[in-house]
Amino acid sequence: MKHPFIILVTCIWLSTQVPVAIAQQAQLVEAAFSPSLLPDKQSDSPPLLGITGRVRITDNDRFLSEVLDLAEQARGLGDRSESGVLLLDFETDSLIAEMKELDGQFATGRANFAVLFDAPLLPEGWHLCACGQGRFAGTFVYDPEDEQRLQLATMTAGLMPADLESTIETAGVAVIDLALMKRFNVNWLKGFNFGASFKYQYIIVHERKLRLVEHEDDDLFDPSRDSNEHHFGNIDIGLR
C-alpha cells in the first residue's frame, strides 16, 4: 500500500558571515552566483566569508524505493522461469499491475553549494569562490509487451530476466565552478554595481536508460557510468 509523501530535505543550509560586513548575509550568499552582488570592500573592512548549501529531493510516490522493489521482484520471477519453474498467474498478474501503476512516476532532486571568501595574496576586493549546482530526474517507462511475456511464462518456463523491456530512464547535470571574482567601481556607472567572475567550470552530463531487471541499489545516478565530462573557461559579467 502506497503512502504518497514528499521528502523535502534542506539538509545543508548554513550561512555565515564573519563578522558582519557591508552586504547583508543573503546578498553575500547570492553573490557567489552573481558577481554584481559582491559587497563594496574597503581596506578597513573585516574578512569576508559566506557559505551556503541546499539539497532537495522530491519523491511523491516513493518512486526510488518502489522501482527497486519492482526490479528485485522481476529478477526473481525471471530467474525462476529461466531455471524451468512455471510461474503462477497471481505472481505475474501482481507484477504486471505494479508495473502499470509505476509507469510514468518519477523522482527529482537538486542541490547547490557555494563558499565565498577573500582571496589571499591578491589586492583588496578580489574574492575566491567555489560553487556548484546539480539536478537529476528519474522515471519508469512500462513496455506493454511485457504483459504478454509474463503471461507466456505461466505456460512455458522460457522467460529470461533480460526479456522484460520496461526501462528506467535517468538524466542529470552538475556544474562545479572555481572562480576569481571582483566588483568594480566604474565612475560613469553611477547607481549601478558591476562585477565579473573568471571561472573554471567542470560539467558532468548524465543520461542513462536501463532495463528494470538491471536496476540495483545506488546505480541510477552513478556519475562514473553513462556520463560525459566537460571542462571550460568562462567569464560571467553582472550589472545591477
Protein backbone atom coordinates (compact mmCIF):
# COMPACT_ATOMS: atom_id res chain seq x y z
CA MET A 1 0.00 0.00 0.00
CA LYS A 2 1.42 3.32 -1.02
CA HIS A 3 1.67 6.37 1.17
CA PRO A 4 2.39 9.43 -1.00
CA PHE A 5 4.84 11.79 0.57
CA ILE A 6 7.36 14.44 -0.25
CA ILE A 7 10.91 14.26 1.02
CA LEU A 8 11.90 17.87 1.19
CA VAL A 9 15.34 17.95 2.72
CA THR A 10 17.10 21.15 3.29
CA CYS A 11 19.91 19.22 4.92
CA ILE A 12 22.64 21.73 4.37
CA TRP A 13 21.62 25.30 4.92
CA LEU A 14 24.49 27.08 6.59
CA SER A 15 25.06 30.76 6.05
CA THR A 16 27.82 32.58 7.84
CA GLN A 17 29.44 35.97 7.62
CA VAL A 18 32.46 36.77 9.80
CA PRO A 19 31.96 39.41 11.02
CA VAL A 20 29.03 41.44 9.68
CA ALA A 21 30.19 43.33 6.58
CA ILE A 22 28.50 45.93 4.38
CA ALA A 23 26.30 43.44 2.49
CA GLN A 24 23.55 41.56 4.23
CA GLN A 25 24.07 37.81 4.52
CA ALA A 26 21.51 36.95 1.84
CA GLN A 27 23.25 39.22 -0.64
CA LEU A 28 26.64 37.71 0.19
CA VAL A 29 25.33 34.21 -0.49
CA GLU A 30 23.76 35.27 -3.80
CA ALA A 31 26.99 36.99 -4.81
CA ALA A 32 28.56 33.56 -5.31
CA PHE A 33 26.31 33.18 -8.36
CA SER A 34 26.15 36.84 -9.41
CA PRO A 35 29.34 38.95 -9.23
CA SER A 36 27.44 42.24 -9.31
CA LEU A 37 26.15 41.47 -5.80
CA LEU A 38 29.62 41.43 -4.25
CA PRO A 39 29.97 43.94 -1.40
CA ASP A 40 31.93 47.14 -1.90
CA LYS A 41 35.01 46.08 0.01
CA GLN A 42 37.03 48.79 1.70
CA SER A 43 40.58 48.50 3.01
CA ASP A 44 39.38 48.58 6.62
CA SER A 45 36.53 46.11 6.08
CA PRO A 46 36.63 42.87 8.10
CA PRO A 47 37.35 39.49 6.45
CA LEU A 48 34.56 38.13 4.36
CA LEU A 49 33.19 34.57 4.41
CA GLY A 50 29.92 33.22 3.02
CA ILE A 51 28.86 29.57 3.00
CA THR A 52 25.60 28.14 1.74
CA GLY A 53 24.19 24.84 0.56
CA ARG A 54 20.87 23.16 -0.13
CA VAL A 55 19.66 19.70 -1.13
CA ARG A 56 16.08 18.99 -2.18
CA ILE A 57 14.69 15.59 -3.19
CA THR A 58 11.08 15.17 -4.29
CA ASP A 59 9.73 11.61 -4.33
CA ASN A 60 5.95 11.99 -4.16
CA ASP A 61 5.07 8.34 -4.73
CA ARG A 62 8.09 6.64 -3.22
CA PHE A 63 9.42 6.06 -6.72
CA LEU A 64 13.00 5.31 -5.65
CA SER A 65 12.04 2.52 -3.25
CA GLU A 66 9.12 1.21 -5.34
CA VAL A 67 11.16 0.81 -8.52
CA LEU A 68 13.93 -1.00 -6.61
CA ASP A 69 11.40 -3.43 -5.09
CA LEU A 70 9.87 -3.95 -8.52
CA ALA A 71 13.27 -4.73 -10.07
CA GLU A 72 14.01 -7.34 -7.39
CA GLN A 73 10.59 -8.93 -7.90
CA ALA A 74 11.03 -9.04 -11.70
CA ARG A 75 14.51 -10.58 -11.38
CA GLY A 76 13.21 -13.22 -9.01
CA LEU A 77 10.41 -14.32 -11.35
CA GLY A 78 12.76 -14.27 -14.33
CA ASP A 79 15.36 -16.40 -12.56
CA ARG A 80 12.72 -18.96 -11.54
CA SER A 81 11.33 -19.18 -15.06
CA GLU A 82 14.83 -19.46 -16.53
CA SER A 83 15.52 -22.45 -14.24
CA GLY A 84 12.43 -24.25 -15.58
CA VAL A 85 9.80 -23.35 -12.98
CA LEU A 86 6.38 -22.35 -14.28
CA LEU A 87 5.19 -19.05 -12.85
CA LEU A 88 1.78 -18.77 -11.21
CA ASP A 89 -0.89 -16.45 -12.57
CA PHE A 90 -1.21 -14.42 -9.38
CA GLU A 91 2.55 -13.78 -9.37
CA THR A 92 2.67 -12.41 -12.91
CA ASP A 93 -0.63 -10.52 -12.53
CA SER A 94 0.70 -8.80 -9.42
CA LEU A 95 3.93 -7.77 -11.15
CA ILE A 96 2.07 -6.51 -14.23
CA ALA A 97 -0.29 -4.42 -12.09
CA GLU A 98 2.59 -2.86 -10.19
CA MET A 99 4.49 -2.07 -13.39
CA LYS A 100 1.45 -0.36 -14.88
CA GLU A 101 0.93 1.64 -11.70
CA LEU A 102 4.57 2.76 -11.62
CA ASP A 103 4.57 3.78 -15.30
CA GLY A 104 5.38 7.48 -15.64
CA GLN A 105 6.14 8.04 -11.97
CA PHE A 106 9.35 9.87 -11.19
CA ALA A 107 11.67 11.37 -8.63
CA THR A 108 13.65 14.58 -8.92
CA GLY A 109 16.39 16.26 -6.97
CA ARG A 110 18.51 19.37 -6.96
CA ALA A 111 21.42 20.64 -4.93
CA ASN A 112 23.69 23.66 -4.74
CA PHE A 113 26.52 24.91 -2.60
CA ALA A 114 28.81 27.93 -2.50
CA VAL A 115 31.80 29.08 -0.49
CA LEU A 116 32.92 32.69 -0.95
CA PHE A 117 35.86 34.32 0.82
CA ASP A 118 38.58 36.96 0.42
CA ALA A 119 41.33 35.96 -2.00
CA PRO A 120 44.68 35.73 -0.19
CA LEU A 121 47.77 37.42 -1.69
CA LEU A 122 45.61 39.50 -4.06
CA PRO A 123 44.63 43.18 -3.87
CA GLU A 124 41.65 44.22 -1.80
CA GLY A 125 38.28 43.42 -3.35
CA TRP A 126 39.19 40.14 -5.04
CA HIS A 127 37.33 37.04 -3.84
CA LEU A 128 37.62 33.32 -4.40
CA CYS A 129 34.51 31.22 -4.83
CA ALA A 130 33.83 27.50 -5.14
CA CYS A 131 30.25 26.73 -6.04
CA GLY A 132 28.21 24.03 -7.69
CA GLN A 133 24.72 23.23 -8.86
CA GLY A 134 23.14 19.96 -9.88
CA ARG A 135 19.80 18.49 -10.93
CA PHE A 136 18.61 14.97 -11.67
CA ALA A 137 15.40 13.15 -12.56
CA GLY A 138 14.42 9.52 -12.99
CA THR A 139 11.27 7.88 -14.35
CA PHE A 140 9.89 4.42 -15.13
CA VAL A 141 8.68 3.54 -18.65
CA TYR A 142 6.45 0.46 -18.90
CA ASP A 143 6.60 -1.69 -22.05
CA PRO A 144 3.07 -3.12 -22.70
CA GLU A 145 4.54 -6.21 -24.36
CA ASP A 146 5.98 -7.27 -21.01
CA GLU A 147 2.46 -8.37 -20.05
CA GLN A 148 2.45 -10.97 -22.83
CA ARG A 149 5.95 -12.11 -21.95
CA LEU A 150 4.99 -12.67 -18.31
CA GLN A 151 1.71 -14.41 -19.16
CA LEU A 152 3.57 -16.73 -21.51
CA ALA A 153 5.90 -17.67 -18.67
CA THR A 154 2.92 -19.25 -16.84
CA MET A 155 2.61 -21.75 -19.70
CA THR A 156 6.23 -22.24 -20.73
CA ALA A 157 9.18 -21.77 -18.45
CA GLY A 158 11.02 -19.72 -21.01
CA LEU A 159 11.19 -16.21 -19.56
CA MET A 160 14.70 -14.83 -19.31
CA PRO A 161 15.19 -11.88 -16.93
CA ALA A 162 16.55 -9.79 -19.81
CA ASP A 163 13.39 -10.45 -21.87
CA LEU A 164 11.49 -7.77 -19.96
CA GLU A 165 11.82 -4.48 -21.84
CA SER A 166 10.39 -1.98 -19.33
CA THR A 167 13.05 0.60 -18.53
CA ILE A 168 14.19 3.18 -16.04
CA GLU A 169 15.44 6.42 -17.55
CA THR A 170 17.54 8.97 -15.70
CA ALA A 171 19.15 12.27 -16.61
CA GLY A 172 21.13 14.85 -14.70
CA VAL A 173 23.66 17.63 -14.90
CA ALA A 174 26.16 19.00 -12.39
CA VAL A 175 28.23 22.16 -12.77
CA ILE A 176 31.13 22.96 -10.44
CA ASP A 177 32.80 26.38 -10.67
CA LEU A 178 36.07 27.67 -9.28
CA ALA A 179 36.02 31.42 -9.69
CA LEU A 180 38.03 34.57 -9.05
CA MET A 181 35.54 37.41 -8.55
CA LYS A 182 35.62 41.16 -8.16
CA ARG A 183 33.21 44.04 -8.01
CA PHE A 184 34.47 47.05 -9.97
CA ASN A 185 33.69 50.66 -9.25
CA VAL A 186 33.18 52.47 -12.55
CA ASN A 187 32.75 56.25 -12.27
CA TRP A 188 30.43 56.62 -15.24
CA LEU A 189 28.13 53.83 -13.95
CA LYS A 190 26.69 55.83 -11.08
CA GLY A 191 23.93 53.92 -9.33
CA PHE A 192 24.99 50.58 -10.83
CA ASN A 193 27.03 47.68 -9.49
CA PHE A 194 29.38 45.99 -11.97
CA GLY A 195 31.13 42.70 -11.26
CA ALA A 196 33.00 39.96 -13.08
CA SER A 197 33.72 36.33 -12.32
CA PHE A 198 36.58 34.47 -14.04
CA LYS A 199 35.71 30.78 -13.91
CA TYR A 200 36.97 27.30 -14.45
CA GLN A 201 33.95 25.04 -14.95
CA TYR A 202 33.70 21.27 -14.58
CA ILE A 203 30.44 19.92 -16.02
CA ILE A 204 29.05 16.39 -15.78
CA VAL A 205 26.12 15.42 -18.03
CA HIS A 206 24.45 12.12 -17.11
CA GLU A 207 21.92 10.23 -19.24
CA ARG A 208 21.04 6.59 -18.68
CA LYS A 209 18.47 4.05 -19.80
CA LEU A 210 18.47 0.58 -18.31
CA ARG A 211 16.07 -2.35 -18.17
CA LEU A 212 14.10 -2.75 -14.99
CA VAL A 213 15.76 -6.10 -14.20
CA GLU A 214 19.21 -4.45 -14.43
CA HIS A 215 18.44 -1.91 -11.73
CA GLU A 216 20.23 -2.37 -8.42
CA ASP A 217 20.52 -0.18 -5.37
CA ASP A 218 22.55 3.05 -5.79
CA ASP A 219 23.19 2.65 -9.52
CA LEU A 220 20.63 5.04 -11.00
CA PHE A 221 22.76 8.16 -10.71
CA ASP A 222 26.27 6.74 -10.67
CA PRO A 223 28.34 9.54 -12.32
CA SER A 224 31.01 7.04 -13.33
CA ARG A 225 28.60 5.40 -15.79
CA ASP A 226 26.82 6.89 -18.81
CA SER A 227 28.23 10.33 -18.08
CA ASN A 228 30.18 12.85 -20.15
CA GLU A 229 32.63 15.30 -18.60
CA HIS A 230 33.40 18.76 -19.95
CA HIS A 231 35.92 21.42 -18.92
CA PHE A 232 35.50 25.09 -19.79
CA GLY A 233 36.85 28.51 -19.05
CA ASN A 234 34.15 31.12 -18.64
CA ILE A 235 33.60 34.74 -17.67
CA ASP A 236 30.40 35.97 -16.05
CA ILE A 237 29.66 39.68 -16.10
CA GLY A 238 26.95 41.19 -13.94
CA LEU A 239 25.37 44.64 -13.89
CA ARG A 240 22.86 45.58 -11.22
